[in-house]
Amino acid sequence: MTPDELLMQRTFDLALLGVGEVSPNPRVGCVIVKDGEVIGEGWHKKYGEAHAEVNAIASVSEINQIEGSTAYVNLEPCSHVGKTPPCADMLIQYGIKRLVISNQDINPLVAGEGIKKCKAAGIEVIAGVLEQQGYELNKRFFISHEKQRPFIILKWAQTSDGFMAHSNYESRWISSELSRQLVHKWRSEEDAVLVGTKTAAHDDPNLTVRNWSGRNPVRLVIDRFLRLSDRLHLFDRLVPTVCFNLLKHEEHPNLKLVRLDEEDFISQLLAWLHKSKIQSVLVEGGSQTLSFFIGANLWDEARIFTSPRSFKKGIKAPELPGDLIFRQQISTDQFQVYHRH
């Protein structure tokens, strides 16, 4: 790795410290270097609060050191006034001499303007350092702007013979305890988690982060004809929950009923989520709901646990047309990650 790549990798590591806190903003880290030494570091810690560049500059012990330094940021500095002032202006103000970034900001409010501002002020700008890794870090943010929908992760556990549940829809527990804890970690990292009617009725899931630390995702459930019992955990109103249906729209504390049209149900659902600034959804089932997203080619990543258990009959797991990108043994389960073709 070149020195620029090593320092860009450090911005990625810093940016990851904001996971679960910064959405719908991107994950951003910043490192400030002077005469070959790191003099400041920072990351975007929480949505609505200071950006990475602000925190990095604030961490520099002697402010006059910043003049003539190099700033490494994984995403182009913002050039517009939002919840915070423009970071590009601040880098110019403090006399940054060189700016190294991984990705250009896809947000139409920025989209190259931060780079232009810095270049116009005489800052040397180098873009595209570890660009692919930078995109992966902020794939939720990029997909949200590119496709006007959330980043969609499908998740399920299946038996060694390819079943998700018994014929009566009972499925506890196919995967190992360690695998289930990992799912709770994922929930803390995504904006929302979604299940269909049958999973809600038969499993009565909490869909919360009980075995991990972090924020709970928004809970989403599809119940077209509003047949689910209001005694389910999903409707305990302890966590913001949205129920998508065909019948009515209502709003209660921590519970929204959102009416959609049958003909364009999933597209309208995703459009509603995008408008609500939900950038990522973890779809946890069941088989019919997962198959619907797969059939509509509306998914980006799939995470599958395969247990050594065998059911011999029951509810079949979906068939997934995708590219295997990762495989790992987790306790007794084989874990695989797929990306859409």
C-alpha atoms as a PDB file:
ATOM      1  CA  MET A   1       0.000   0.000   0.000  1.00  0.00           C
ATOM      2  CA  THR A   2       1.126   3.563  -0.708  1.00  0.00           C
ATOM      3  CA  PRO A   3       1.227   6.112   2.150  1.00  0.00           C
ATOM      4  CA  ASP A   4      -1.952   7.719   0.755  1.00  0.00           C
ATOM      5  CA  GLU A   5      -3.719   4.339   0.729  1.00  0.00           C
ATOM      6  CA  LEU A   6      -2.638   3.517   4.276  1.00  0.00           C
ATOM      7  CA  LEU A   7      -3.967   6.830   5.559  1.00  0.00           C
ATOM      8  CA  MET A   8      -7.182   6.418   3.558  1.00  0.00           C
ATOM      9  CA  GLN A   9      -7.646   3.016   5.196  1.00  0.00           C
ATOM     10  CA  ARG A  10      -7.390   4.809   8.533  1.00  0.00           C
ATOM     11  CA  THR A  11     -10.253   7.130   7.521  1.00  0.00           C
ATOM     12  CA  PHE A  12     -12.347   4.014   6.790  1.00  0.00           C
ATOM     13  CA  ASP A  13     -11.573   2.627  10.259  1.00  0.00           C
ATOM     14  CA  LEU A  14     -12.594   5.927  11.841  1.00  0.00           C
ATOM     15  CA  ALA A  15     -15.752   6.177   9.733  1.00  0.00           C
ATOM     16  CA  LEU A  16     -16.893   2.755  10.944  1.00  0.00           C
ATOM     17  CA  LEU A  17     -17.062   4.114  14.493  1.00  0.00           C
ATOM     18  CA  GLY A  18     -20.212   5.974  13.404  1.00  0.00           C
ATOM     19  CA  VAL A  19     -22.104   2.875  12.252  1.00  0.00           C
ATOM     20  CA  GLY A  20     -25.689   2.892  13.485  1.00  0.00           C
ATOM     21  CA  GLU A  21     -25.581   6.575  14.457  1.00  0.00           C
ATOM     22  CA  VAL A  22     -25.061   8.714  11.354  1.00  0.00           C
ATOM     23  CA  SER A  23     -27.683   7.532   8.835  1.00  0.00           C
ATOM     24  CA  PRO A  24     -29.022   9.023   6.600  1.00  0.00           C
ATOM     25  CA  ASN A  25     -25.648  10.776   6.427  1.00  0.00           C
ATOM     26  CA  PRO A  26     -22.690   8.787   5.074  1.00  0.00           C
ATOM     27  CA  ARG A  27     -19.975   7.229   7.220  1.00  0.00           C
ATOM     28  CA  VAL A  28     -16.975   9.567   7.114  1.00  0.00           C
ATOM     29  CA  GLY A  29     -13.556   9.670   8.772  1.00  0.00           C
ATOM     30  CA  CYS A  30     -10.812  12.276   8.481  1.00  0.00           C
ATOM     31  CA  VAL A  31      -7.059  12.256   9.177  1.00  0.00           C
ATOM     32  CA  ILE A  32      -4.864  15.379   9.102  1.00  0.00           C
ATOM     33  CA  VAL A  33      -1.138  14.902   8.404  1.00  0.00           C
ATOM     34  CA  LYS A  34       1.723  17.428   8.641  1.00  0.00           C
ATOM     35  CA  ASP A  35       5.344  16.618   7.769  1.00  0.00           C
ATOM     36  CA  GLY A  36       4.605  12.900   7.722  1.00  0.00           C
ATOM     37  CA  GLU A  37       2.922  12.841  11.147  1.00  0.00           C
ATOM     38  CA  VAL A  38      -0.752  12.510  12.033  1.00  0.00           C
ATOM     39  CA  ILE A  39      -1.738  15.643  13.930  1.00  0.00           C
ATOM     40  CA  GLY A  40      -5.524  15.170  13.992  1.00  0.00           C
ATOM     41  CA  GLU A  41      -8.258  12.569  13.547  1.00  0.00           C
ATOM     42  CA  GLY A  42     -12.030  12.609  13.666  1.00  0.00           C
ATOM     43  CA  TRP A  43     -15.189  10.969  12.419  1.00  0.00           C
ATOM     44  CA  HIS A  44     -18.851  11.805  11.983  1.00  0.00           C
ATOM     45  CA  LYS A  45     -20.303  10.552  15.271  1.00  0.00           C
ATOM     46  CA  LYS A  46     -24.023  11.267  15.055  1.00  0.00           C
ATOM     47  CA  TYR A  47     -26.550  12.539  12.510  1.00  0.00           C
ATOM     48  CA  GLY A  48     -27.056  16.284  12.898  1.00  0.00           C
ATOM     49  CA  GLU A  49     -23.766  16.751  14.741  1.00  0.00           C
ATOM     50  CA  ALA A  50     -20.295  17.835  13.574  1.00  0.00           C
ATOM     51  CA  HIS A  51     -18.845  16.210  10.454  1.00  0.00           C
ATOM     52  CA  ALA A  52     -15.577  14.263  10.415  1.00  0.00           C
ATOM     53  CA  GLU A  53     -13.477  17.192   9.176  1.00  0.00           C
ATOM     54  CA  VAL A  54     -14.719  19.446  12.002  1.00  0.00           C
ATOM     55  CA  ASN A  55     -13.899  16.814  14.630  1.00  0.00           C
ATOM     56  CA  ALA A  56     -10.465  16.158  13.103  1.00  0.00           C
ATOM     57  CA  ILE A  57      -9.531  19.849  13.125  1.00  0.00           C
ATOM     58  CA  ALA A  58     -10.837  20.208  16.692  1.00  0.00           C
ATOM     59  CA  SER A  59      -8.504  17.366  17.757  1.00  0.00           C
ATOM     60  CA  VAL A  60      -5.341  19.169  16.571  1.00  0.00           C
ATOM     61  CA  SER A  61      -3.449  20.365  19.652  1.00  0.00           C
ATOM     62  CA  GLU A  62      -1.971  23.504  18.051  1.00  0.00           C
ATOM     63  CA  ILE A  63      -4.266  25.082  15.482  1.00  0.00           C
ATOM     64  CA  ASN A  64      -1.414  26.757  13.556  1.00  0.00           C
ATOM     65  CA  GLN A  65      -0.105  23.289  12.650  1.00  0.00           C
ATOM     66  CA  ILE A  66      -3.001  22.814  10.234  1.00  0.00           C
ATOM     67  CA  GLU A  67      -1.750  25.329   7.674  1.00  0.00           C
ATOM     68  CA  GLY A  68       0.112  23.486   4.893  1.00  0.00           C
ATOM     69  CA  SER A  69      -1.087  20.050   6.021  1.00  0.00           C
ATOM     70  CA  THR A  70      -2.806  17.215   4.103  1.00  0.00           C
ATOM     71  CA  ALA A  71      -6.378  16.175   4.896  1.00  0.00           C
ATOM     72  CA  TYR A  72      -7.486  12.611   4.145  1.00  0.00           C
ATOM     73  CA  VAL A  73     -11.269  12.177   3.936  1.00  0.00           C
ATOM     74  CA  ASN A  74     -13.038   9.121   2.542  1.00  0.00           C
ATOM     75  CA  LEU A  75     -15.847  11.252   1.060  1.00  0.00           C
ATOM     76  CA  GLU A  76     -15.711  14.596  -0.723  1.00  0.00           C
ATOM     77  CA  PRO A  77     -16.150  17.447   1.804  1.00  0.00           C
ATOM     78  CA  CYS A  78     -19.600  19.018   1.691  1.00  0.00           C
ATOM     79  CA  SER A  79     -19.997  22.388   0.006  1.00  0.00           C
ATOM     80  CA  HIS A  80     -23.496  23.342   1.163  1.00  0.00           C
ATOM     81  CA  VAL A  81     -25.076  24.584   4.380  1.00  0.00           C
ATOM     82  CA  GLY A  82     -27.117  21.776   5.934  1.00  0.00           C
ATOM     83  CA  LYS A  83     -27.350  20.959   9.629  1.00  0.00           C
ATOM     84  CA  THR A  84     -23.685  22.057   9.796  1.00  0.00           C
ATOM     85  CA  PRO A  85     -21.568  24.607   7.826  1.00  0.00           C
ATOM     86  CA  PRO A  86     -19.716  23.527   4.644  1.00  0.00           C
ATOM     87  CA  CYS A  87     -16.605  21.466   5.416  1.00  0.00           C
ATOM     88  CA  ALA A  88     -14.897  22.527   2.173  1.00  0.00           C
ATOM     89  CA  ASP A  89     -14.968  26.162   3.375  1.00  0.00           C
ATOM     90  CA  MET A  90     -13.420  25.163   6.687  1.00  0.00           C
ATOM     91  CA  LEU A  91     -10.550  23.253   5.048  1.00  0.00           C
ATOM     92  CA  ILE A  92      -9.834  26.326   2.921  1.00  0.00           C
ATOM     93  CA  GLN A  93     -10.053  28.636   5.965  1.00  0.00           C
ATOM     94  CA  TYR A  94      -7.490  26.638   7.945  1.00  0.00           C
ATOM     95  CA  GLY A  95      -5.011  26.506   5.058  1.00  0.00           C
ATOM     96  CA  ILE A  96      -5.089  22.840   4.092  1.00  0.00           C
ATOM     97  CA  LYS A  97      -2.572  22.406   1.250  1.00  0.00           C
ATOM     98  CA  ARG A  98      -3.517  18.953  -0.039  1.00  0.00           C
ATOM     99  CA  LEU A  99      -6.783  17.008   0.035  1.00  0.00           C
ATOM    100  CA  VAL A 100      -6.961  13.251  -0.584  1.00  0.00           C
ATOM    101  CA  ILE A 101     -10.385  11.616  -0.939  1.00  0.00           C
ATOM    102  CA  SER A 102     -11.730   8.189  -1.821  1.00  0.00           C
ATOM    103  CA  ASN A 103     -15.180   8.947  -3.276  1.00  0.00           C
ATOM    104  CA  GLN A 104     -16.963  11.899  -4.775  1.00  0.00           C
ATOM    105  CA  ASP A 105     -20.196  12.692  -2.938  1.00  0.00           C
ATOM    106  CA  ILE A 106     -23.215  11.543  -4.966  1.00  0.00           C
ATOM    107  CA  ASN A 107     -25.592  13.850  -3.089  1.00  0.00           C
ATOM    108  CA  PRO A 108     -26.851  16.420  -5.660  1.00  0.00           C
ATOM    109  CA  LEU A 109     -26.233  19.149  -3.076  1.00  0.00           C
ATOM    110  CA  VAL A 110     -22.491  18.361  -3.259  1.00  0.00           C
ATOM    111  CA  ALA A 111     -21.687  16.268  -6.384  1.00  0.00           C
ATOM    112  CA  GLY A 112     -18.231  17.655  -7.116  1.00  0.00           C
ATOM    113  CA  GLU A 113     -18.790  21.172  -5.795  1.00  0.00           C
ATOM    114  CA  GLY A 114     -16.655  20.514  -2.697  1.00  0.00           C
ATOM    115  CA  ILE A 115     -13.754  19.445  -4.913  1.00  0.00           C
ATOM    116  CA  LYS A 116     -14.213  22.477  -7.193  1.00  0.00           C
ATOM    117  CA  LYS A 117     -14.208  24.852  -4.210  1.00  0.00           C
ATOM    118  CA  CYS A 118     -11.000  23.380  -2.830  1.00  0.00           C
ATOM    119  CA  LYS A 119      -9.238  23.422  -6.216  1.00  0.00           C
ATOM    120  CA  ALA A 120     -10.306  27.026  -6.821  1.00  0.00           C
ATOM    121  CA  ALA A 121      -8.699  27.937  -3.486  1.00  0.00           C
ATOM    122  CA  GLY A 122      -5.391  26.387  -4.595  1.00  0.00           C
ATOM    123  CA  ILE A 123      -5.669  23.087  -2.713  1.00  0.00           C
ATOM    124  CA  GLU A 124      -4.183  20.087  -4.523  1.00  0.00           C
ATOM    125  CA  VAL A 125      -6.970  17.474  -4.720  1.00  0.00           C
ATOM    126  CA  ILE A 126      -6.347  13.765  -5.276  1.00  0.00           C
ATOM    127  CA  ALA A 127      -9.503  11.672  -5.703  1.00  0.00           C
ATOM    128  CA  GLY A 128     -10.229   7.969  -6.153  1.00  0.00           C
ATOM    129  CA  VAL A 129      -7.831   6.530  -3.543  1.00  0.00           C
ATOM    130  CA  LEU A 130      -9.184   3.054  -2.586  1.00  0.00           C
ATOM    131  CA  GLU A 131     -12.355   4.056  -4.398  1.00  0.00           C
ATOM    132  CA  GLN A 132     -13.944   0.583  -4.437  1.00  0.00           C
ATOM    133  CA  GLN A 133     -13.417   0.090  -0.696  1.00  0.00           C
ATOM    134  CA  GLY A 134     -14.822   3.556  -0.069  1.00  0.00           C
ATOM    135  CA  TYR A 135     -17.938   2.696  -2.062  1.00  0.00           C
ATOM    136  CA  GLU A 136     -18.388  -0.517  -0.062  1.00  0.00           C
ATOM    137  CA  LEU A 137     -18.150   1.446   3.195  1.00  0.00           C
ATOM    138  CA  ASN A 138     -20.960   3.779   2.097  1.00  0.00           C
ATOM    139  CA  LYS A 139     -22.945   1.450  -0.197  1.00  0.00           C
ATOM    140  CA  ARG A 140     -26.184   2.260   1.661  1.00  0.00           C
ATOM    141  CA  PHE A 141     -25.709   5.986   1.067  1.00  0.00           C
ATOM    142  CA  PHE A 142     -24.729   5.512  -2.593  1.00  0.00           C
ATOM    143  CA  ILE A 143     -27.546   3.054  -3.435  1.00  0.00           C
ATOM    144  CA  SER A 144     -30.088   5.348  -1.781  1.00  0.00           C
ATOM    145  CA  HIS A 145     -29.094   8.217  -4.097  1.00  0.00           C
ATOM    146  CA  GLU A 146     -28.492   6.078  -7.203  1.00  0.00           C
ATOM    147  CA  LYS A 147     -31.667   3.985  -7.068  1.00  0.00           C
ATOM    148  CA  GLN A 148     -33.976   6.125  -4.934  1.00  0.00           C
ATOM    149  CA  ARG A 149     -34.606   3.200  -2.595  1.00  0.00           C
ATOM    150  CA  PRO A 150     -32.952   1.688   0.491  1.00  0.00           C
ATOM    151  CA  PHE A 151     -30.069  -0.771   0.367  1.00  0.00           C
ATOM    152  CA  ILE A 152     -31.805  -4.148   0.776  1.00  0.00           C
ATOM    153  CA  ILE A 153     -30.244  -7.028   2.714  1.00  0.00           C
ATOM    154  CA  LEU A 154     -32.009 -10.398   2.705  1.00  0.00           C
ATOM    155  CA  LYS A 155     -31.350 -12.673   5.662  1.00  0.00           C
ATOM    156  CA  TRP A 156     -32.486 -16.179   6.497  1.00  0.00           C
ATOM    157  CA  ALA A 157     -31.476 -19.402   8.190  1.00  0.00           C
ATOM    158  CA  GLN A 158     -32.039 -22.754   6.488  1.00  0.00           C
ATOM    159  CA  THR A 159     -31.504 -26.408   7.264  1.00  0.00           C
ATOM    160  CA  SER A 160     -28.922 -28.534   5.500  1.00  0.00           C
ATOM    161  CA  ASP A 161     -31.726 -29.886   3.285  1.00  0.00           C
ATOM    162  CA  GLY A 162     -32.976 -26.396   2.349  1.00  0.00           C
ATOM    163  CA  PHE A 163     -35.958 -25.685   4.615  1.00  0.00           C
ATOM    164  CA  MET A 164     -36.704 -22.485   6.547  1.00  0.00           C
ATOM    165  CA  ALA A 165     -39.462 -23.836   8.769  1.00  0.00           C
ATOM    166  CA  HIS A 166     -41.651 -26.849   9.483  1.00  0.00           C
ATOM    167  CA  SER A 167     -44.920 -27.210   7.548  1.00  0.00           C
ATOM    168  CA  ASN A 168     -46.752 -25.438  10.411  1.00  0.00           C
ATOM    169  CA  TYR A 169     -44.330 -22.472   9.964  1.00  0.00           C
ATOM    170  CA  GLU A 170     -42.555 -23.207  13.270  1.00  0.00           C
ATOM    171  CA  SER A 171     -38.849 -22.446  12.809  1.00  0.00           C
ATOM    172  CA  ARG A 172     -37.173 -21.984  16.220  1.00  0.00           C
ATOM    173  CA  TRP A 173     -34.284 -22.406  16.276  1.00  0.00           C
ATOM    174  CA  ILE A 174     -32.512 -23.389  13.077  1.00  0.00           C
ATOM    175  CA  SER A 175     -29.339 -21.349  13.493  1.00  0.00           C
ATOM    176  CA  SER A 176     -26.932 -21.380  16.442  1.00  0.00           C
ATOM    177  CA  GLU A 177     -27.035 -18.952  19.362  1.00  0.00           C
ATOM    178  CA  LEU A 178     -23.905 -17.193  18.080  1.00  0.00           C
ATOM    179  CA  SER A 179     -25.500 -16.701  14.645  1.00  0.00           C
ATOM    180  CA  ARG A 180     -28.619 -15.240  16.242  1.00  0.00           C
ATOM    181  CA  GLN A 181     -26.501 -12.813  18.269  1.00  0.00           C
ATOM    182  CA  LEU A 182     -24.798 -11.712  15.047  1.00  0.00           C
ATOM    183  CA  VAL A 183     -28.240 -10.887  13.597  1.00  0.00           C
ATOM    184  CA  HIS A 184     -28.883  -8.584  16.581  1.00  0.00           C
ATOM    185  CA  LYS A 185     -25.608  -6.807  15.792  1.00  0.00           C
ATOM    186  CA  TRP A 186     -26.773  -6.358  12.176  1.00  0.00           C
ATOM    187  CA  ARG A 187     -30.053  -4.864  13.362  1.00  0.00           C
ATOM    188  CA  SER A 188     -28.118  -2.208  15.288  1.00  0.00           C
ATOM    189  CA  GLU A 189     -26.315  -1.269  12.052  1.00  0.00           C
ATOM    190  CA  GLU A 190     -29.325  -0.921   9.727  1.00  0.00           C
ATOM    191  CA  ASP A 191     -32.117   1.649   9.635  1.00  0.00           C
ATOM    192  CA  ALA A 192     -35.006  -0.820   9.495  1.00  0.00           C
ATOM    193  CA  VAL A 193     -35.912  -4.509   9.676  1.00  0.00           C
ATOM    194  CA  LEU A 194     -38.838  -6.033   7.769  1.00  0.00           C
ATOM    195  CA  VAL A 195     -40.965  -9.180   8.049  1.00  0.00           C
ATOM    196  CA  GLY A 196     -44.078 -10.490   6.333  1.00  0.00           C
ATOM    197  CA  THR A 197     -47.447 -11.413   7.823  1.00  0.00           C
ATOM    198  CA  LYS A 198     -46.771 -15.107   8.425  1.00  0.00           C
ATOM    199  CA  THR A 199     -43.440 -14.532  10.149  1.00  0.00           C
ATOM    200  CA  ALA A 200     -45.040 -11.909  12.401  1.00  0.00           C
ATOM    201  CA  ALA A 201     -47.959 -14.214  13.252  1.00  0.00           C
ATOM    202  CA  HIS A 202     -46.059 -17.484  13.777  1.00  0.00           C
ATOM    203  CA  ASP A 203     -42.755 -16.271  15.257  1.00  0.00           C
ATOM    204  CA  ASP A 204     -44.051 -13.179  17.123  1.00  0.00           C
ATOM    205  CA  PRO A 205     -40.585 -11.542  16.818  1.00  0.00           C
ATOM    206  CA  ASN A 206     -39.458  -8.486  18.771  1.00  0.00           C
ATOM    207  CA  LEU A 207     -37.091  -7.391  15.968  1.00  0.00           C
ATOM    208  CA  THR A 208     -35.078  -5.428  18.525  1.00  0.00           C
ATOM    209  CA  VAL A 209     -31.426  -5.335  19.589  1.00  0.00           C
ATOM    210  CA  ARG A 210     -31.750  -7.437  22.740  1.00  0.00           C
ATOM    211  CA  ASN A 211     -28.496  -9.409  22.549  1.00  0.00           C
ATOM    212  CA  TRP A 212     -26.318  -6.507  21.427  1.00  0.00           C
ATOM    213  CA  SER A 213     -25.781  -2.844  22.251  1.00  0.00           C
ATOM    214  CA  GLY A 214     -26.969  -0.041  20.011  1.00  0.00           C
ATOM    215  CA  ARG A 215     -30.139   1.529  18.698  1.00  0.00           C
ATOM    216  CA  ASN A 216     -33.175  -0.488  17.650  1.00  0.00           C
ATOM    217  CA  PRO A 217     -34.055  -0.355  13.944  1.00  0.00           C
ATOM    218  CA  VAL A 218     -37.455   0.831  12.775  1.00  0.00           C
ATOM    219  CA  ARG A 219     -39.675  -2.268  12.611  1.00  0.00           C
ATOM    220  CA  LEU A 220     -41.540  -2.842   9.344  1.00  0.00           C
ATOM    221  CA  VAL A 221     -44.279  -5.417   8.799  1.00  0.00           C
ATOM    222  CA  ILE A 222     -46.386  -6.230   5.743  1.00  0.00           C
ATOM    223  CA  ASP A 223     -49.989  -6.999   6.743  1.00  0.00           C
ATOM    224  CA  ARG A 224     -52.086  -6.328   3.664  1.00  0.00           C
ATOM    225  CA  PHE A 225     -55.512  -6.910   5.280  1.00  0.00           C
ATOM    226  CA  LEU A 226     -54.626  -5.922   8.869  1.00  0.00           C
ATOM    227  CA  ARG A 227     -55.269  -9.396  10.225  1.00  0.00           C
ATOM    228  CA  LEU A 228     -52.394  -9.540  12.710  1.00  0.00           C
ATOM    229  CA  SER A 229     -53.203  -9.463  16.414  1.00  0.00           C
ATOM    230  CA  ASP A 230     -52.448  -6.199  18.202  1.00  0.00           C
ATOM    231  CA  ARG A 231     -51.044  -8.325  21.045  1.00  0.00           C
ATOM    232  CA  LEU A 232     -47.944  -9.226  19.014  1.00  0.00           C
ATOM    233  CA  HIS A 233     -44.589  -7.851  20.157  1.00  0.00           C
ATOM    234  CA  LEU A 234     -44.426  -5.808  16.946  1.00  0.00           C
ATOM    235  CA  PHE A 235     -47.341  -3.687  18.150  1.00  0.00           C
ATOM    236  CA  ASP A 236     -46.127  -3.060  21.726  1.00  0.00           C
ATOM    237  CA  ARG A 237     -45.300   0.547  20.689  1.00  0.00           C
ATOM    238  CA  LEU A 238     -41.957   0.396  22.470  1.00  0.00           C
ATOM    239  CA  VAL A 239     -40.068   0.869  19.184  1.00  0.00           C
ATOM    240  CA  PRO A 240     -41.105   2.879  16.078  1.00  0.00           C
ATOM    241  CA  THR A 241     -43.056   0.455  13.867  1.00  0.00           C
ATOM    242  CA  VAL A 242     -44.660   0.788  10.419  1.00  0.00           C
ATOM    243  CA  CYS A 243     -47.387  -1.559   9.158  1.00  0.00           C
ATOM    244  CA  PHE A 244     -47.856  -1.532   5.362  1.00  0.00           C
ATOM    245  CA  ASN A 245     -51.373  -2.502   4.271  1.00  0.00           C
ATOM    246  CA  LEU A 246     -54.082  -2.085   1.629  1.00  0.00           C
ATOM    247  CA  LEU A 247     -56.825  -0.681   3.849  1.00  0.00           C
ATOM    248  CA  LYS A 248     -56.037   2.470   5.789  1.00  0.00           C
ATOM    249  CA  HIS A 249     -53.560   5.095   6.955  1.00  0.00           C
ATOM    250  CA  GLU A 250     -53.344   5.925  10.647  1.00  0.00           C
ATOM    251  CA  GLU A 251     -50.708   7.369  12.963  1.00  0.00           C
ATOM    252  CA  HIS A 252     -50.271   6.519  16.643  1.00  0.00           C
ATOM    253  CA  PRO A 253     -47.315   6.956  19.017  1.00  0.00           C
ATOM    254  CA  ASN A 254     -44.560   4.656  17.680  1.00  0.00           C
ATOM    255  CA  LEU A 255     -46.971   3.009  15.228  1.00  0.00           C
ATOM    256  CA  LYS A 256     -47.895   4.031  11.684  1.00  0.00           C
ATOM    257  CA  LEU A 257     -50.327   2.248   9.393  1.00  0.00           C
ATOM    258  CA  VAL A 258     -49.393   3.089   5.799  1.00  0.00           C
ATOM    259  CA  ARG A 259     -51.823   2.245   3.012  1.00  0.00           C
ATOM    260  CA  LEU A 260     -50.355   1.187  -0.341  1.00  0.00           C
ATOM    261  CA  ASP A 261     -51.841  -0.027  -3.643  1.00  0.00           C
ATOM    262  CA  GLU A 262     -51.789  -3.764  -4.411  1.00  0.00           C
ATOM    263  CA  GLU A 263     -50.626  -3.290  -8.042  1.00  0.00           C
ATOM    264  CA  ASP A 264     -47.393  -1.539  -7.054  1.00  0.00           C
ATOM    265  CA  PHE A 265     -47.076  -2.586  -3.413  1.00  0.00           C
ATOM    266  CA  ILE A 266     -43.323  -3.196  -3.018  1.00  0.00           C
ATOM    267  CA  SER A 267     -42.305  -0.263  -5.235  1.00  0.00           C
ATOM    268  CA  GLN A 268     -44.518   2.076  -3.207  1.00  0.00           C
ATOM    269  CA  LEU A 269     -43.193   0.597   0.033  1.00  0.00           C
ATOM    270  CA  LEU A 270     -39.587   1.271  -1.017  1.00  0.00           C
ATOM    271  CA  ALA A 271     -40.488   4.764  -2.248  1.00  0.00           C
ATOM    272  CA  TRP A 272     -42.096   5.527   1.132  1.00  0.00           C
ATOM    273  CA  LEU A 273     -38.971   4.321   2.944  1.00  0.00           C
ATOM    274  CA  HIS A 274     -36.731   6.423   0.685  1.00  0.00           C
ATOM    275  CA  LYS A 275     -38.841   9.508   1.315  1.00  0.00           C
ATOM    276  CA  SER A 276     -38.621   8.754   5.057  1.00  0.00           C
ATOM    277  CA  LYS A 277     -34.781   8.718   4.781  1.00  0.00           C
ATOM    278  CA  ILE A 278     -34.499   5.033   5.634  1.00  0.00           C
ATOM    279  CA  GLN A 279     -31.352   4.018   3.741  1.00  0.00           C
ATOM    280  CA  SER A 280     -31.125   0.318   4.597  1.00  0.00           C
ATOM    281  CA  VAL A 281     -33.539  -2.529   5.298  1.00  0.00           C
ATOM    282  CA  LEU A 282     -32.775  -5.975   6.695  1.00  0.00           C
ATOM    283  CA  VAL A 283     -35.475  -8.325   5.354  1.00  0.00           C
ATOM    284  CA  GLU A 284     -35.776 -11.193   7.838  1.00  0.00           C
ATOM    285  CA  GLY A 285     -38.580 -13.220   6.305  1.00  0.00           C
ATOM    286  CA  GLY A 286     -40.490 -15.228   5.753  1.00  0.00           C
ATOM    287  CA  SER A 287     -40.011 -17.334   2.666  1.00  0.00           C
ATOM    288  CA  GLN A 288     -42.814 -15.673   0.685  1.00  0.00           C
ATOM    289  CA  THR A 289     -41.626 -12.133   1.470  1.00  0.00           C
ATOM    290  CA  LEU A 290     -37.997 -12.977   0.686  1.00  0.00           C
ATOM    291  CA  SER A 291     -39.017 -14.677  -2.581  1.00  0.00           C
ATOM    292  CA  PHE A 292     -41.020 -11.604  -3.561  1.00  0.00           C
ATOM    293  CA  PHE A 293     -37.966  -9.336  -3.233  1.00  0.00           C
ATOM    294  CA  ILE A 294     -35.803 -11.868  -5.093  1.00  0.00           C
ATOM    295  CA  GLY A 295     -38.376 -12.273  -7.876  1.00  0.00           C
ATOM    296  CA  ALA A 296     -38.635  -8.504  -8.307  1.00  0.00           C
ATOM    297  CA  ASN A 297     -34.803  -8.271  -8.360  1.00  0.00           C
ATOM    298  CA  LEU A 298     -35.064  -5.779  -5.499  1.00  0.00           C
ATOM    299  CA  TRP A 299     -32.159  -6.789  -3.298  1.00  0.00           C
ATOM    300  CA  ASP A 300     -28.475  -5.961  -2.985  1.00  0.00           C
ATOM    301  CA  GLU A 301     -27.042  -8.471  -0.515  1.00  0.00           C
ATOM    302  CA  ALA A 302     -28.140 -11.790   0.997  1.00  0.00           C
ATOM    303  CA  ARG A 303     -26.835 -13.307   4.231  1.00  0.00           C
ATOM    304  CA  ILE A 304     -27.646 -16.989   4.711  1.00  0.00           C
ATOM    305  CA  PHE A 305     -26.996 -19.328   7.622  1.00  0.00           C
ATOM    306  CA  THR A 306     -27.079 -23.058   6.837  1.00  0.00           C
ATOM    307  CA  SER A 307     -27.502 -25.282   9.880  1.00  0.00           C
ATOM    308  CA  PRO A 308     -26.492 -28.954  10.122  1.00  0.00           C
ATOM    309  CA  ARG A 309     -30.081 -29.691  11.176  1.00  0.00           C
ATOM    310  CA  SER A 310     -32.440 -31.456   8.778  1.00  0.00           C
ATOM    311  CA  PHE A 311     -36.256 -31.098   8.508  1.00  0.00           C
ATOM    312  CA  LYS A 312     -36.874 -33.442   5.525  1.00  0.00           C
ATOM    313  CA  LYS A 313     -40.067 -31.482   4.744  1.00  0.00           C
ATOM    314  CA  GLY A 314     -41.564 -28.087   5.425  1.00  0.00           C
ATOM    315  CA  ILE A 315     -41.328 -24.523   4.039  1.00  0.00           C
ATOM    316  CA  LYS A 316     -38.578 -24.357   1.422  1.00  0.00           C
ATOM    317  CA  ALA A 317     -35.945 -21.636   1.566  1.00  0.00           C
ATOM    318  CA  PRO A 318     -35.884 -19.277  -1.439  1.00  0.00           C
ATOM    319  CA  GLU A 319     -33.669 -19.941  -4.436  1.00  0.00           C
ATOM    320  CA  LEU A 320     -31.166 -17.164  -4.860  1.00  0.00           C
ATOM    321  CA  PRO A 321     -29.579 -16.094  -8.163  1.00  0.00           C
ATOM    322  CA  GLY A 322     -26.485 -14.252  -6.981  1.00  0.00           C
ATOM    323  CA  ASP A 323     -22.712 -14.235  -6.657  1.00  0.00           C
ATOM    324  CA  LEU A 324     -21.134 -15.827  -3.579  1.00  0.00           C
ATOM    325  CA  ILE A 325     -18.635 -13.310  -2.183  1.00  0.00           C
ATOM    326  CA  PHE A 326     -17.955 -14.585   1.331  1.00  0.00           C
ATOM    327  CA  ARG A 327     -18.102 -17.840   3.287  1.00  0.00           C
ATOM    328  CA  GLN A 328     -17.366 -18.515   6.973  1.00  0.00           C
ATOM    329  CA  GLN A 329     -18.088 -21.114   9.638  1.00  0.00           C
ATOM    330  CA  ILE A 330     -19.939 -19.592  12.610  1.00  0.00           C
ATOM    331  CA  SER A 331     -20.316 -22.091  15.435  1.00  0.00           C
ATOM    332  CA  THR A 332     -22.229 -25.024  13.878  1.00  0.00           C
ATOM    333  CA  ASP A 333     -23.536 -22.935  10.957  1.00  0.00           C
ATOM    334  CA  GLN A 334     -22.106 -22.258   7.530  1.00  0.00           C
ATOM    335  CA  PHE A 335     -22.525 -18.552   6.773  1.00  0.00           C
ATOM    336  CA  GLN A 336     -22.578 -17.200   3.209  1.00  0.00           C
ATOM    337  CA  VAL A 337     -22.950 -13.744   1.714  1.00  0.00           C
ATOM    338  CA  TYR A 338     -24.221 -13.178  -1.829  1.00  0.00           C
ATOM    339  CA  HIS A 339     -24.422 -10.075  -3.993  1.00  0.00           C
ATOM    340  CA  ARG A 340     -26.983  -9.553  -6.704  1.00  0.00           C
ATOM    341  CA  HIS A 341     -25.667 -10.187 -10.258  1.00  0.00           C
END
